[in-house]
Amino acid sequence: MEALHPRAVVAGHKQRARPDDPACLEDTRRYVQDAIRLLDATPKPTPQAFFDRMTARHPDRINPAPLWYSSVGLLGPAAHAAPASSGS
């Protein structure tokens, strides 16, 4: 998509106040690369640790629930319920 040099990129899920800026492509790339780095770590993080590290690195994400579900799906069942911070 970046190769098309867009003037605007409309994200499907975003904060309404954020502009339709092509910079969101780099933001998304950084988010995915951070997730890959954490998943490749040795030892593997727990679902809670993965969730905590991702939310610390990307505190502006508006819906942490999919991150929590992905954490459990990728790293195994959680030892406890979803963290309190995922309810925003």
Protein backbone atom coordinates (compact mmCIF):
# COMPACT_ATOMS: atom_id res chain seq x y z
CA MET A 1 0.00 0.00 0.00
CA GLU A 2 2.83 2.37 0.80
CA ALA A 3 4.16 1.93 -2.74
CA LEU A 4 1.02 3.69 -3.97
CA HIS A 5 2.03 6.81 -1.97
CA PRO A 6 -1.48 7.46 -0.64
CA ARG A 7 -2.45 10.89 0.66
CA ALA A 8 -4.90 9.29 3.10
CA VAL A 9 -5.34 5.87 4.69
CA VAL A 10 -8.63 5.20 6.45
CA ALA A 11 -8.23 2.65 9.21
CA GLY A 12 -11.14 0.32 9.87
CA HIS A 13 -10.78 0.64 13.63
CA LYS A 14 -9.29 3.83 14.97
CA GLN A 15 -9.76 6.65 17.40
CA ARG A 16 -12.08 9.14 15.77
CA ALA A 17 -9.78 12.04 16.58
CA ARG A 18 -6.86 10.53 14.67
CA PRO A 19 -6.37 11.75 11.10
CA ASP A 20 -6.53 9.43 8.09
CA ASP A 21 -2.78 9.73 7.81
CA PRO A 22 -0.63 7.24 5.88
CA ALA A 23 1.61 7.16 8.97
CA CYS A 24 -0.83 4.61 10.39
CA LEU A 25 0.82 2.05 8.09
CA GLU A 26 4.14 2.47 9.90
CA ASP A 27 2.36 2.42 13.28
CA THR A 28 0.76 -0.90 12.38
CA ARG A 29 4.05 -2.30 11.09
CA ARG A 30 5.77 -1.35 14.35
CA TYR A 31 2.99 -2.99 16.39
CA VAL A 32 3.26 -6.26 14.44
CA GLN A 33 7.08 -6.24 14.59
CA ASP A 34 6.97 -5.70 18.36
CA ALA A 35 4.56 -8.64 18.70
CA ILE A 36 6.82 -10.88 16.61
CA ARG A 37 9.88 -9.94 18.68
CA LEU A 38 8.07 -10.72 21.92
CA LEU A 39 6.74 -14.03 20.58
CA ASP A 40 10.24 -15.02 19.41
CA ALA A 41 11.76 -14.30 22.83
CA THR A 42 13.33 -17.07 24.88
CA PRO A 43 11.79 -18.01 27.18
CA LYS A 44 8.35 -17.42 25.71
CA PRO A 45 6.37 -14.82 27.64
CA THR A 46 3.23 -15.80 29.48
CA PRO A 47 -0.02 -14.44 28.04
CA GLN A 48 -0.06 -11.86 30.83
CA ALA A 49 3.55 -10.78 30.21
CA PHE A 50 2.96 -10.50 26.46
CA PHE A 51 -0.18 -8.44 27.03
CA ASP A 52 1.55 -6.18 29.56
CA ARG A 53 4.57 -5.56 27.33
CA MET A 54 2.46 -4.82 24.25
CA THR A 55 0.16 -2.43 26.11
CA ALA A 56 3.19 -0.70 27.65
CA ARG A 57 4.75 -0.25 24.19
CA HIS A 58 1.47 0.77 22.55
CA PRO A 59 -0.67 2.48 25.21
CA ASP A 60 -2.70 4.42 22.63
CA ARG A 61 -4.45 1.35 21.21
CA ILE A 62 -8.16 1.77 21.87
CA ASN A 63 -9.32 -1.83 22.32
CA PRO A 64 -6.98 -4.10 24.28
CA ALA A 65 -9.44 -7.02 24.38
CA PRO A 66 -8.33 -8.53 21.03
CA LEU A 67 -4.72 -8.33 22.24
CA TRP A 68 -5.67 -10.29 25.37
CA TYR A 69 -7.54 -12.95 23.35
CA SER A 70 -4.59 -13.21 20.97
CA SER A 71 -2.18 -13.51 23.91
CA VAL A 72 -4.09 -16.49 25.26
CA GLY A 73 -4.58 -18.01 21.80
CA LEU A 74 -0.90 -17.72 20.87
CA LEU A 75 0.70 -18.52 24.21
CA GLY A 76 -1.70 -20.89 25.93
CA PRO A 77 -4.45 -20.67 28.49
CA ALA A 78 -4.21 -17.96 31.08
CA ALA A 79 -3.75 -18.84 34.71
CA HIS A 80 -6.29 -16.16 35.62
CA ALA A 81 -9.00 -13.94 34.18
CA ALA A 82 -8.40 -11.10 31.75
CA PRO A 83 -6.41 -8.23 33.25
CA ALA A 84 -8.32 -5.25 34.63
CA SER A 85 -6.70 -2.95 32.05
CA SER A 86 -8.39 -4.82 29.18
CA GLY A 87 -11.84 -3.57 30.09
CA SER A 88 -11.45 -0.04 28.71
